[in-house]
C-alpha atoms as a PDB file:
ATOM      1  CA  MET A   1      -5.131 -67.493  50.093  1.00  0.00           C
ATOM      2  CA  ASP A   2      -5.302 -64.112  48.449  1.00  0.00           C
ATOM      3  CA  GLY A   3      -2.477 -61.727  49.272  1.00  0.00           C
ATOM      4  CA  VAL A   4      -3.690 -58.302  48.067  1.00  0.00           C
ATOM      5  CA  GLN A   5      -7.413 -58.877  48.359  1.00  0.00           C
ATOM      6  CA  GLY A   6      -8.412 -57.013  45.230  1.00  0.00           C
ATOM      7  CA  HIS A   7     -12.221 -57.412  44.575  1.00  0.00           C
ATOM      8  CA  LEU A   8     -14.752 -59.134  46.652  1.00  0.00           C
ATOM      9  CA  SER A   9     -18.545 -59.095  46.527  1.00  0.00           C
ATOM     10  CA  SER A  10     -18.747 -55.961  44.363  1.00  0.00           C
ATOM     11  CA  PHE A  11     -16.380 -54.012  46.452  1.00  0.00           C
ATOM     12  CA  ASP A  12     -12.706 -53.167  45.694  1.00  0.00           C
ATOM     13  CA  PHE A  13     -10.074 -53.635  48.499  1.00  0.00           C
ATOM     14  CA  TYR A  14      -6.633 -51.947  48.451  1.00  0.00           C
ATOM     15  CA  PRO A  15      -3.768 -52.182  50.735  1.00  0.00           C
ATOM     16  CA  GLU A  16      -4.424 -49.293  53.044  1.00  0.00           C
ATOM     17  CA  TRP A  17      -1.082 -47.735  52.615  1.00  0.00           C
ATOM     18  CA  THR A  18      -1.994 -47.010  48.952  1.00  0.00           C
ATOM     19  CA  ARG A  19      -5.105 -45.199  49.846  1.00  0.00           C
ATOM     20  CA  SER A  20      -4.087 -42.468  52.224  1.00  0.00           C
ATOM     21  CA  TRP A  21      -2.734 -38.905  51.502  1.00  0.00           C
ATOM     22  CA  HIS A  22       0.270 -40.523  49.697  1.00  0.00           C
ATOM     23  CA  HIS A  23      -1.994 -42.340  47.118  1.00  0.00           C
ATOM     24  CA  ARG A  24       0.086 -44.808  45.040  1.00  0.00           C
ATOM     25  CA  ASN A  25      -0.808 -46.619  41.813  1.00  0.00           C
ATOM     26  CA  VAL A  26      -0.826 -50.338  42.929  1.00  0.00           C
ATOM     27  CA  PHE A  27       0.353 -51.518  39.542  1.00  0.00           C
ATOM     28  CA  THR A  28       3.120 -49.041  38.566  1.00  0.00           C
ATOM     29  CA  ASP A  29       4.459 -47.314  41.719  1.00  0.00           C
ATOM     30  CA  PRO A  30       7.897 -48.907  42.414  1.00  0.00           C
ATOM     31  CA  GLU A  31       7.556 -48.582  46.085  1.00  0.00           C
ATOM     32  CA  ALA A  32       3.983 -49.920  46.229  1.00  0.00           C
ATOM     33  CA  ILE A  33       5.047 -52.988  44.019  1.00  0.00           C
ATOM     34  CA  ASP A  34       7.957 -53.685  46.353  1.00  0.00           C
ATOM     35  CA  ALA A  35       5.715 -53.494  49.402  1.00  0.00           C
ATOM     36  CA  GLN A  36       3.122 -55.960  47.785  1.00  0.00           C
ATOM     37  CA  ALA A  37       6.051 -58.255  46.941  1.00  0.00           C
ATOM     38  CA  THR A  38       7.198 -58.151  50.636  1.00  0.00           C
ATOM     39  CA  LEU A  39       3.726 -58.781  51.797  1.00  0.00           C
ATOM     40  CA  LEU A  40       3.424 -61.929  49.504  1.00  0.00           C
ATOM     41  CA  ARG A  41       6.757 -63.152  50.399  1.00  0.00           C
ATOM     42  CA  THR A  42       6.142 -62.943  54.081  1.00  0.00           C
ATOM     43  CA  LEU A  43       2.652 -64.324  53.758  1.00  0.00           C
ATOM     44  CA  GLY A  44       3.842 -67.223  51.694  1.00  0.00           C
ATOM     45  CA  SER A  45       6.546 -68.109  54.238  1.00  0.00           C
ATOM     46  CA  ALA A  46       3.954 -68.065  57.034  1.00  0.00           C
ATOM     47  CA  LEU A  47       1.652 -70.275  55.064  1.00  0.00           C
ATOM     48  CA  THR A  48       4.176 -72.899  53.999  1.00  0.00           C
ATOM     49  CA  GLY A  49       3.483 -76.385  55.435  1.00  0.00           C
ATOM     50  CA  ARG A  50      -0.014 -75.570  56.881  1.00  0.00           C
ATOM     51  CA  PRO A  51      -2.473 -78.369  56.287  1.00  0.00           C
ATOM     52  CA  HIS A  52      -5.118 -78.047  53.324  1.00  0.00           C
ATOM     53  CA  LEU A  53      -3.228 -75.118  51.649  1.00  0.00           C
ATOM     54  CA  LEU A  54      -3.788 -74.950  47.941  1.00  0.00           C
ATOM     55  CA  GLY A  55      -1.458 -72.125  47.446  1.00  0.00           C
ATOM     56  CA  LEU A  56      -1.004 -68.408  47.321  1.00  0.00           C
ATOM     57  CA  GLN A  57      -2.854 -66.089  44.840  1.00  0.00           C
ATOM     58  CA  LEU A  58      -1.819 -62.509  44.273  1.00  0.00           C
ATOM     59  CA  GLY A  59      -5.372 -61.257  44.746  1.00  0.00           C
ATOM     60  CA  ASN A  60      -8.922 -61.703  43.495  1.00  0.00           C
ATOM     61  CA  GLU A  61      -9.682 -60.018  40.182  1.00  0.00           C
ATOM     62  CA  LEU A  62      -6.990 -57.314  40.615  1.00  0.00           C
ATOM     63  CA  ASN A  63      -7.918 -56.240  37.122  1.00  0.00           C
ATOM     64  CA  ASN A  64     -11.093 -54.586  38.712  1.00  0.00           C
ATOM     65  CA  LEU A  65      -8.620 -51.902  40.001  1.00  0.00           C
ATOM     66  CA  VAL A  66      -7.415 -50.588  36.630  1.00  0.00           C
ATOM     67  CA  GLU A  67     -10.014 -47.898  36.447  1.00  0.00           C
ATOM     68  CA  HIS A  68      -8.488 -45.954  39.216  1.00  0.00           C
ATOM     69  CA  ASN A  69      -4.889 -47.206  38.580  1.00  0.00           C
ATOM     70  CA  PRO A  70      -4.006 -46.625  34.891  1.00  0.00           C
ATOM     71  CA  VAL A  71      -1.635 -49.217  33.642  1.00  0.00           C
ATOM     72  CA  THR A  72      -0.326 -50.507  30.322  1.00  0.00           C
ATOM     73  CA  PRO A  73      -0.134 -54.263  29.285  1.00  0.00           C
ATOM     74  CA  ASP A  74       3.696 -54.151  29.678  1.00  0.00           C
ATOM     75  CA  GLU A  75       3.403 -52.609  33.135  1.00  0.00           C
ATOM     76  CA  VAL A  76       0.897 -55.368  33.991  1.00  0.00           C
ATOM     77  CA  ASP A  77       3.279 -58.064  32.953  1.00  0.00           C
ATOM     78  CA  HIS A  78       6.053 -56.506  35.084  1.00  0.00           C
ATOM     79  CA  TYR A  79       3.627 -56.301  38.039  1.00  0.00           C
ATOM     80  CA  LEU A  80       2.565 -59.944  37.724  1.00  0.00           C
ATOM     81  CA  ASP A  81       6.067 -61.196  37.137  1.00  0.00           C
ATOM     82  CA  THR A  82       7.413 -59.449  40.229  1.00  0.00           C
ATOM     83  CA  LEU A  83       4.594 -60.544  42.545  1.00  0.00           C
ATOM     84  CA  LEU A  84       4.381 -64.129  41.275  1.00  0.00           C
ATOM     85  CA  ALA A  85       8.064 -64.515  41.967  1.00  0.00           C
ATOM     86  CA  ALA A  86       7.760 -63.031  45.353  1.00  0.00           C
ATOM     87  CA  ALA A  87       4.878 -65.458  46.257  1.00  0.00           C
ATOM     88  CA  ARG A  88       6.907 -68.384  44.878  1.00  0.00           C
ATOM     89  CA  ASP A  89       9.908 -67.376  46.939  1.00  0.00           C
ATOM     90  CA  GLY A  90       7.793 -67.123  50.046  1.00  0.00           C
ATOM     91  CA  LEU A  91       6.011 -70.475  49.623  1.00  0.00           C
ATOM     92  CA  GLY A  92       9.171 -72.356  48.245  1.00  0.00           C
ATOM     93  CA  GLU A  93       9.196 -74.743  45.388  1.00  0.00           C
ATOM     94  CA  HIS A  94       6.878 -77.213  47.058  1.00  0.00           C
ATOM     95  CA  GLY A  95       4.637 -74.974  49.059  1.00  0.00           C
ATOM     96  CA  GLY A  96       1.691 -75.016  46.730  1.00  0.00           C
ATOM     97  CA  LEU A  97       0.244 -73.282  43.724  1.00  0.00           C
ATOM     98  CA  VAL A  98       1.029 -69.757  42.813  1.00  0.00           C
ATOM     99  CA  THR A  99      -1.681 -67.967  40.823  1.00  0.00           C
ATOM    100  CA  HIS A 100      -3.375 -64.810  39.852  1.00  0.00           C
ATOM    101  CA  SER A 101      -6.955 -64.049  38.658  1.00  0.00           C
ATOM    102  CA  ALA A 102      -8.799 -61.571  36.460  1.00  0.00           C
ATOM    103  CA  TYR A 103     -12.396 -61.033  35.649  1.00  0.00           C
ATOM    104  CA  ASP A 104     -13.564 -61.538  32.110  1.00  0.00           C
ATOM    105  CA  ALA A 105     -12.409 -58.316  30.727  1.00  0.00           C
ATOM    106  CA  ALA A 106      -9.082 -59.864  30.404  1.00  0.00           C
ATOM    107  CA  TRP A 107     -10.624 -62.225  27.800  1.00  0.00           C
ATOM    108  CA  TYR A 108     -13.232 -60.014  26.218  1.00  0.00           C
ATOM    109  CA  GLY A 109     -12.186 -56.500  26.779  1.00  0.00           C
ATOM    110  CA  ASP A 110     -10.691 -55.054  23.433  1.00  0.00           C
ATOM    111  CA  ASP A 111      -8.218 -52.625  25.091  1.00  0.00           C
ATOM    112  CA  HIS A 112      -8.150 -54.027  28.674  1.00  0.00           C
ATOM    113  CA  PRO A 113      -4.581 -53.962  29.952  1.00  0.00           C
ATOM    114  CA  PHE A 114      -4.739 -57.413  31.589  1.00  0.00           C
ATOM    115  CA  THR A 115      -4.365 -59.558  28.444  1.00  0.00           C
ATOM    116  CA  PRO A 116      -5.419 -63.216  27.743  1.00  0.00           C
ATOM    117  CA  GLU A 117      -1.747 -64.078  27.344  1.00  0.00           C
ATOM    118  CA  ALA A 118      -0.954 -62.898  30.906  1.00  0.00           C
ATOM    119  CA  SER A 119      -3.743 -64.990  32.263  1.00  0.00           C
ATOM    120  CA  ALA A 120      -2.924 -68.010  30.237  1.00  0.00           C
ATOM    121  CA  ARG A 121       0.951 -67.953  30.586  1.00  0.00           C
ATOM    122  CA  LYS A 122       1.791 -66.577  33.988  1.00  0.00           C
ATOM    123  CA  GLY A 123       1.506 -68.557  37.351  1.00  0.00           C
ATOM    124  CA  ASP A 124       1.194 -72.262  37.760  1.00  0.00           C
ATOM    125  CA  LEU A 125      -2.219 -72.668  36.122  1.00  0.00           C
ATOM    126  CA  THR A 126      -4.917 -70.477  34.472  1.00  0.00           C
ATOM    127  CA  THR A 127      -7.857 -69.252  36.341  1.00  0.00           C
ATOM    128  CA  VAL A 128     -11.087 -68.262  34.689  1.00  0.00           C
ATOM    129  CA  HIS A 129     -14.161 -66.550  35.977  1.00  0.00           C
ATOM    130  CA  PRO A 130     -16.932 -67.213  33.397  1.00  0.00           C
ATOM    131  CA  TRP A 131     -19.849 -65.197  34.833  1.00  0.00           C
ATOM    132  CA  VAL A 132     -23.065 -65.282  33.094  1.00  0.00           C
ATOM    133  CA  PHE A 133     -23.450 -61.522  33.370  1.00  0.00           C
ATOM    134  CA  SER A 134     -20.365 -60.897  31.546  1.00  0.00           C
ATOM    135  CA  GLY A 135     -21.510 -59.369  28.129  1.00  0.00           C
ATOM    136  CA  ASP A 136     -25.031 -59.674  29.388  1.00  0.00           C
ATOM    137  CA  CYS A 137     -24.809 -63.377  28.388  1.00  0.00           C
ATOM    138  CA  ALA A 138     -27.766 -64.718  30.310  1.00  0.00           C
ATOM    139  CA  ARG A 139     -29.949 -61.803  29.395  1.00  0.00           C
ATOM    140  CA  ARG A 140     -28.954 -61.884  25.688  1.00  0.00           C
ATOM    141  CA  TYR A 141     -29.516 -65.632  25.217  1.00  0.00           C
ATOM    142  CA  GLY A 142     -31.684 -66.708  28.121  1.00  0.00           C
ATOM    143  CA  PRO A 143     -30.874 -68.439  31.418  1.00  0.00           C
ATOM    144  CA  ARG A 144     -31.536 -71.909  29.933  1.00  0.00           C
ATOM    145  CA  SER A 145     -29.663 -71.356  26.708  1.00  0.00           C
ATOM    146  CA  PRO A 146     -26.696 -73.501  25.512  1.00  0.00           C
ATOM    147  CA  GLN A 147     -24.670 -70.285  25.563  1.00  0.00           C
ATOM    148  CA  VAL A 148     -25.089 -69.992  29.336  1.00  0.00           C
ATOM    149  CA  ARG A 149     -24.893 -73.712  30.185  1.00  0.00           C
ATOM    150  CA  HIS A 150     -21.784 -74.113  28.089  1.00  0.00           C
ATOM    151  CA  LEU A 151     -20.077 -70.839  29.251  1.00  0.00           C
ATOM    152  CA  ALA A 152     -17.605 -72.347  31.765  1.00  0.00           C
ATOM    153  CA  GLU A 153     -16.705 -75.026  29.164  1.00  0.00           C
ATOM    154  CA  TYR A 154     -16.178 -72.346  26.554  1.00  0.00           C
ATOM    155  CA  GLY A 155     -14.093 -70.181  29.005  1.00  0.00           C
ATOM    156  CA  THR A 156     -11.891 -73.178  29.676  1.00  0.00           C
ATOM    157  CA  GLU A 157     -11.296 -73.883  25.940  1.00  0.00           C
ATOM    158  CA  LEU A 158     -10.588 -70.249  25.253  1.00  0.00           C
ATOM    159  CA  ALA A 159      -7.899 -70.120  27.938  1.00  0.00           C
ATOM    160  CA  LYS A 160      -6.296 -73.276  26.590  1.00  0.00           C
ATOM    161  CA  ALA A 161      -5.939 -71.545  23.204  1.00  0.00           C
ATOM    162  CA  TYR A 162      -3.756 -68.744  24.622  1.00  0.00           C
ATOM    163  CA  ALA A 163      -1.522 -70.985  26.637  1.00  0.00           C
ATOM    164  CA  THR A 164       2.053 -71.954  25.349  1.00  0.00           C
ATOM    165  CA  ASP A 165       2.017 -75.274  27.225  1.00  0.00           C
ATOM    166  CA  PRO A 166      -0.599 -77.509  25.708  1.00  0.00           C
ATOM    167  CA  ALA A 167      -0.852 -79.399  29.040  1.00  0.00           C
ATOM    168  CA  ARG A 168      -1.391 -76.259  31.253  1.00  0.00           C
ATOM    169  CA  PRO A 169      -4.289 -76.821  33.624  1.00  0.00           C
ATOM    170  CA  VAL A 170      -7.369 -74.574  33.856  1.00  0.00           C
ATOM    171  CA  TRP A 171      -9.224 -73.807  37.002  1.00  0.00           C
ATOM    172  CA  VAL A 172     -12.821 -72.511  36.670  1.00  0.00           C
ATOM    173  CA  GLN A 173     -12.193 -70.589  39.803  1.00  0.00           C
ATOM    174  CA  GLU A 174     -15.416 -68.571  39.889  1.00  0.00           C
ATOM    175  CA  THR A 175     -18.861 -69.362  38.601  1.00  0.00           C
ATOM    176  CA  GLY A 176     -22.394 -68.951  40.073  1.00  0.00           C
ATOM    177  CA  ALA A 177     -25.890 -68.451  39.568  1.00  0.00           C
ATOM    178  CA  PRO A 178     -26.676 -64.736  40.207  1.00  0.00           C
ATOM    179  CA  GLU A 179     -30.385 -63.644  40.286  1.00  0.00           C
ATOM    180  CA  PRO A 180     -32.083 -62.226  38.252  1.00  0.00           C
ATOM    181  CA  HIS A 181     -29.658 -63.493  35.498  1.00  0.00           C
ATOM    182  CA  ILE A 182     -30.414 -67.117  36.500  1.00  0.00           C
ATOM    183  CA  PRO A 183     -33.747 -67.277  38.310  1.00  0.00           C
ATOM    184  CA  ALA A 184     -33.828 -69.514  41.482  1.00  0.00           C
ATOM    185  CA  ALA A 185     -36.023 -72.093  39.765  1.00  0.00           C
ATOM    186  CA  ASP A 186     -33.322 -72.559  36.999  1.00  0.00           C
ATOM    187  CA  ALA A 187     -30.392 -72.493  39.279  1.00  0.00           C
ATOM    188  CA  PRO A 188     -30.040 -76.291  40.111  1.00  0.00           C
ATOM    189  CA  ASP A 189     -30.099 -77.297  36.404  1.00  0.00           C
ATOM    190  CA  PHE A 190     -27.658 -74.482  35.664  1.00  0.00           C
ATOM    191  CA  ALA A 191     -25.285 -75.732  38.265  1.00  0.00           C
ATOM    192  CA  ARG A 192     -25.524 -79.342  37.087  1.00  0.00           C
ATOM    193  CA  ALA A 193     -24.967 -78.367  33.459  1.00  0.00           C
ATOM    194  CA  THR A 194     -22.150 -75.987  34.188  1.00  0.00           C
ATOM    195  CA  VAL A 195     -20.134 -78.481  36.139  1.00  0.00           C
ATOM    196  CA  ARG A 196     -20.741 -81.467  33.806  1.00  0.00           C
ATOM    197  CA  ASN A 197     -20.007 -79.423  30.729  1.00  0.00           C
ATOM    198  CA  ALA A 198     -16.682 -78.074  32.255  1.00  0.00           C
ATOM    199  CA  ALA A 199     -15.797 -81.649  33.071  1.00  0.00           C
ATOM    200  CA  GLU A 200     -15.813 -82.469  29.447  1.00  0.00           C
ATOM    201  CA  CYS A 201     -12.606 -80.296  29.181  1.00  0.00           C
ATOM    202  CA  ALA A 202      -9.237 -82.067  29.108  1.00  0.00           C
ATOM    203  CA  GLY A 203      -6.899 -80.443  31.578  1.00  0.00           C
ATOM    204  CA  LEU A 204      -9.603 -79.052  33.888  1.00  0.00           C
ATOM    205  CA  TRP A 205      -7.963 -78.656  37.284  1.00  0.00           C
ATOM    206  CA  GLY A 206     -11.220 -78.026  39.067  1.00  0.00           C
ATOM    207  CA  VAL A 207     -14.340 -75.984  39.629  1.00  0.00           C
ATOM    208  CA  THR A 208     -14.965 -73.702  42.571  1.00  0.00           C
ATOM    209  CA  TRP A 209     -18.324 -72.132  43.088  1.00  0.00           C
ATOM    210  CA  TRP A 210     -19.067 -68.458  44.157  1.00  0.00           C
ATOM    211  CA  CYS A 211     -20.386 -68.375  46.764  1.00  0.00           C
ATOM    212  CA  SER A 212     -21.160 -70.152  49.862  1.00  0.00           C
ATOM    213  CA  HIS A 213     -23.859 -68.003  51.594  1.00  0.00           C
ATOM    214  CA  ASP A 214     -26.250 -65.416  50.624  1.00  0.00           C
ATOM    215  CA  VAL A 215     -25.448 -61.944  52.080  1.00  0.00           C
ATOM    216  CA  ASP A 216     -27.958 -61.216  55.037  1.00  0.00           C
ATOM    217  CA  ARG A 217     -30.296 -58.382  53.996  1.00  0.00           C
ATOM    218  CA  SER A 218     -29.628 -56.622  57.300  1.00  0.00           C
ATOM    219  CA  LEU A 219     -26.252 -55.598  55.532  1.00  0.00           C
ATOM    220  CA  ALA A 220     -26.932 -52.610  53.463  1.00  0.00           C
ATOM    221  CA  ASP A 221     -25.402 -51.344  50.168  1.00  0.00           C
ATOM    222  CA  PHE A 222     -24.707 -54.550  48.333  1.00  0.00           C
ATOM    223  CA  PRO A 223     -25.902 -55.098  44.872  1.00  0.00           C
ATOM    224  CA  GLU A 224     -29.011 -56.979  44.649  1.00  0.00           C
ATOM    225  CA  LEU A 225     -27.377 -60.265  43.193  1.00  0.00           C
ATOM    226  CA  GLU A 226     -25.215 -60.554  46.249  1.00  0.00           C
ATOM    227  CA  TYR A 227     -28.160 -61.214  48.553  1.00  0.00           C
ATOM    228  CA  THR A 228     -29.173 -64.444  46.575  1.00  0.00           C
ATOM    229  CA  LEU A 229     -25.809 -65.725  45.277  1.00  0.00           C
ATOM    230  CA  GLY A 230     -25.064 -68.384  47.766  1.00  0.00           C
ATOM    231  CA  LEU A 231     -25.530 -72.040  47.891  1.00  0.00           C
ATOM    232  CA  PHE A 232     -26.898 -71.606  51.425  1.00  0.00           C
ATOM    233  CA  ASP A 233     -29.187 -68.885  52.621  1.00  0.00           C
ATOM    234  CA  SER A 234     -28.098 -66.340  55.149  1.00  0.00           C
ATOM    235  CA  THR A 235     -29.153 -68.602  58.109  1.00  0.00           C
ATOM    236  CA  GLY A 236     -27.092 -71.486  56.765  1.00  0.00           C
ATOM    237  CA  ARG A 237     -29.832 -73.594  55.218  1.00  0.00           C
ATOM    238  CA  PRO A 238     -28.831 -75.345  51.926  1.00  0.00           C
ATOM    239  CA  LYS A 239     -30.823 -74.036  48.866  1.00  0.00           C
ATOM    240  CA  PRO A 240     -31.897 -76.443  46.018  1.00  0.00           C
ATOM    241  CA  ILE A 241     -28.809 -75.428  44.050  1.00  0.00           C
ATOM    242  CA  ALA A 242     -26.601 -76.663  46.842  1.00  0.00           C
ATOM    243  CA  GLU A 243     -28.155 -80.170  46.810  1.00  0.00           C
ATOM    244  CA  ALA A 244     -27.935 -80.220  42.945  1.00  0.00           C
ATOM    245  CA  LEU A 245     -24.203 -79.181  43.090  1.00  0.00           C
ATOM    246  CA  ALA A 246     -23.480 -81.792  45.868  1.00  0.00           C
ATOM    247  CA  GLU A 247     -25.121 -84.469  43.816  1.00  0.00           C
ATOM    248  CA  THR A 248     -23.221 -83.671  40.686  1.00  0.00           C
ATOM    249  CA  VAL A 249     -19.877 -83.448  42.410  1.00  0.00           C
ATOM    250  CA  ALA A 250     -20.537 -86.866  44.149  1.00  0.00           C
ATOM    251  CA  ASP A 251     -21.502 -88.375  40.738  1.00  0.00           C
ATOM    252  CA  LEU A 252     -18.280 -87.039  39.078  1.00  0.00           C
ATOM    253  CA  ARG A 253     -16.129 -88.250  41.956  1.00  0.00           C
ATOM    254  CA  ALA A 254     -17.723 -91.668  41.828  1.00  0.00           C
ATOM    255  CA  ALA A 255     -17.086 -91.966  38.058  1.00  0.00           C
ATOM    256  CA  PRO A 256     -14.377 -89.482  37.216  1.00  0.00           C
ATOM    257  CA  PRO A 257     -14.659 -88.197  33.528  1.00  0.00           C
ATOM    258  CA  SER A 258     -11.831 -88.931  31.094  1.00  0.00           C
ATOM    259  CA  PRO A 259     -12.551 -86.518  28.258  1.00  0.00           C
ATOM    260  CA  GLU A 260     -11.343 -87.389  24.831  1.00  0.00           C
ATOM    261  CA  PRO A 261      -9.167 -84.614  23.059  1.00  0.00           C
ATOM    262  CA  ARG A 262     -11.205 -82.224  20.900  1.00  0.00           C
ATOM    263  CA  ALA A 263     -10.470 -83.326  17.432  1.00  0.00           C
ATOM    264  CA  THR A 264     -12.050 -80.113  15.833  1.00  0.00           C
ATOM    265  CA  ALA A 265     -10.770 -76.615  16.585  1.00  0.00           C
ATOM    266  CA  LEU A 266     -12.400 -73.376  15.575  1.00  0.00           C
ATOM    267  CA  VAL A 267      -9.915 -70.676  14.543  1.00  0.00           C
ATOM    268  CA  LEU A 268      -9.910 -67.405  16.515  1.00  0.00           C
ATOM    269  CA  ASP A 269      -8.505 -64.570  14.543  1.00  0.00           C
ATOM    270  CA  CYS A 270      -8.300 -62.067  17.323  1.00  0.00           C
ATOM    271  CA  THR A 271      -6.029 -59.070  16.188  1.00  0.00           C
ATOM    272  CA  PRO A 272      -5.202 -56.278  18.680  1.00  0.00           C
ATOM    273  CA  GLY A 273      -8.292 -54.425  19.793  1.00  0.00           C
ATOM    274  CA  THR A 274     -10.778 -57.110  18.747  1.00  0.00           C
ATOM    275  CA  ARG A 275     -10.908 -59.350  21.843  1.00  0.00           C
ATOM    276  CA  SER A 276     -14.759 -58.776  21.992  1.00  0.00           C
ATOM    277  CA  VAL A 277     -15.377 -61.117  19.071  1.00  0.00           C
ATOM    278  CA  SER A 278     -14.827 -63.915  21.597  1.00  0.00           C
ATOM    279  CA  GLY A 279     -17.142 -62.603  24.213  1.00  0.00           C
ATOM    280  CA  PRO A 280     -20.890 -63.099  24.461  1.00  0.00           C
ATOM    281  CA  GLY A 281     -22.533 -61.329  21.441  1.00  0.00           C
ATOM    282  CA  GLY A 282     -19.271 -61.622  19.424  1.00  0.00           C
ATOM    283  CA  ALA A 283     -18.999 -63.351  16.137  1.00  0.00           C
ATOM    284  CA  TYR A 284     -16.529 -65.964  17.258  1.00  0.00           C
ATOM    285  CA  PHE A 285     -18.468 -66.792  20.554  1.00  0.00           C
ATOM    286  CA  GLU A 286     -21.538 -67.320  18.517  1.00  0.00           C
ATOM    287  CA  ALA A 287     -19.931 -69.517  15.878  1.00  0.00           C
ATOM    288  CA  TRP A 288     -18.332 -71.727  18.675  1.00  0.00           C
ATOM    289  CA  MET A 289     -21.612 -72.061  20.418  1.00  0.00           C
ATOM    290  CA  ARG A 290     -23.454 -72.976  17.083  1.00  0.00           C
ATOM    291  CA  LEU A 291     -20.863 -75.858  16.736  1.00  0.00           C
ATOM    292  CA  ARG A 292     -21.496 -76.954  20.252  1.00  0.00           C
ATOM    293  CA  ALA A 293     -25.267 -76.942  19.821  1.00  0.00           C
ATOM    294  CA  ASP A 294     -24.731 -79.138  16.725  1.00  0.00           C
ATOM    295  CA  GLY A 295     -23.032 -81.782  18.885  1.00  0.00           C
ATOM    296  CA  VAL A 296     -19.458 -80.848  18.013  1.00  0.00           C
ATOM    297  CA  ARG A 297     -16.999 -80.490  21.089  1.00  0.00           C
ATOM    298  CA  PRO A 298     -14.883 -77.639  19.559  1.00  0.00           C
ATOM    299  CA  ALA A 299     -11.476 -76.557  20.772  1.00  0.00           C
ATOM    300  CA  VAL A 300     -10.149 -73.001  20.194  1.00  0.00           C
ATOM    301  CA  VAL A 301      -6.995 -72.355  18.257  1.00  0.00           C
ATOM    302  CA  LEU A 302      -5.552 -68.931  17.659  1.00  0.00           C
ATOM    303  CA  ALA A 303      -5.042 -68.047  14.026  1.00  0.00           C
ATOM    304  CA  GLY A 304      -1.305 -67.882  14.415  1.00  0.00           C
ATOM    305  CA  ARG A 305      -1.261 -71.441  15.557  1.00  0.00           C
ATOM    306  CA  ALA A 306      -3.731 -72.884  13.078  1.00  0.00           C
ATOM    307  CA  GLU A 307      -0.991 -74.468  10.958  1.00  0.00           C
ATOM    308  CA  ASP A 308       1.324 -75.287  13.940  1.00  0.00           C
ATOM    309  CA  THR A 309       1.154 -79.040  13.432  1.00  0.00           C
ATOM    310  CA  GLY A 310       3.224 -79.755  16.663  1.00  0.00           C
ATOM    311  CA  ASN A 311       0.865 -77.734  18.958  1.00  0.00           C
ATOM    312  CA  LEU A 312      -2.235 -79.096  17.245  1.00  0.00           C
ATOM    313  CA  ALA A 313      -1.001 -82.691  17.608  1.00  0.00           C
ATOM    314  CA  ALA A 314      -0.104 -82.083  21.214  1.00  0.00           C
ATOM    315  CA  ARG A 315      -3.685 -81.027  21.897  1.00  0.00           C
ATOM    316  CA  GLY A 316      -5.231 -83.870  19.834  1.00  0.00           C
ATOM    317  CA  ILE A 317      -6.591 -81.517  17.255  1.00  0.00           C
ATOM    318  CA  LYS A 318      -7.141 -83.209  13.841  1.00  0.00           C
ATOM    319  CA  GLU A 319      -9.338 -80.589  11.973  1.00  0.00           C
ATOM    320  CA  VAL A 320      -9.156 -76.855  11.941  1.00  0.00           C
ATOM    321  CA  VAL A 321     -12.143 -74.941  10.763  1.00  0.00           C
ATOM    322  CA  ARG A 322     -12.774 -71.168  10.382  1.00  0.00           C
ATOM    323  CA  PRO A 323     -16.010 -69.382  11.444  1.00  0.00           C
ATOM    324  CA  SER A 324     -18.315 -68.930   8.354  1.00  0.00           C
END
């Protein structure tokens, strides 16, 4: 469950009491933060013990709201820490996962106030949303390219590099096949490859697909990709991508993968203001993808940990290489 909805199907959703004549910055206003904490604490308490509950998330891609709510990285950290504590307080220690999520600017945006460290170190696990339109990945490399079909795998390994706990799980929480970035004819193979490649990552908690159904065209003012993004059409009929995904999931459940540790790690030297090197089109991204295309299964290691033997050993890394 999401507490503060955040971003959904190309629209931003705010608590209504931050949008009226007394507009409040959702990230920095003390009363707005306190109100959101109260909301999460109350919602968590109401959810505890309900069947099939995975947990409570602060909101979906809340970093989409920064354009109209200016915030610094330190203020983001305070916001996330406060709301995660409230959600945990509401759910209780055994009530389920407490998470937060961000779209890819957190990983690839040079000056974005939501940082990779915040995503990879706060909450019970790391969530990633490796969309093929981020950095024009599919248009830049092509919908059938290795860069596109290994994007979720790459996002998982990038997230693991920023974690302080080598065993921290990663959830590929949003991925999908948006047209025209992924043509409908390519969508089934894209789904198979995305899930199977992500399953080669140790510590993968799970993959969830966005989204279930196409938006009906009788509903106006959605971006074009929202009308074709579902696994089912707007009448509820499964599309070929749904069948491909179902078959892939069934195969993986019948023979669960046990991925070996990634013995080779590529060093990411990401100084402040240079996060874009790790995004599509960036020098690091392309170096990692070249290794992957050559048959190497590279991990990602931050430059500051490239000589941390304890961390490398905990991750099963035996060789550290630098981009040429």
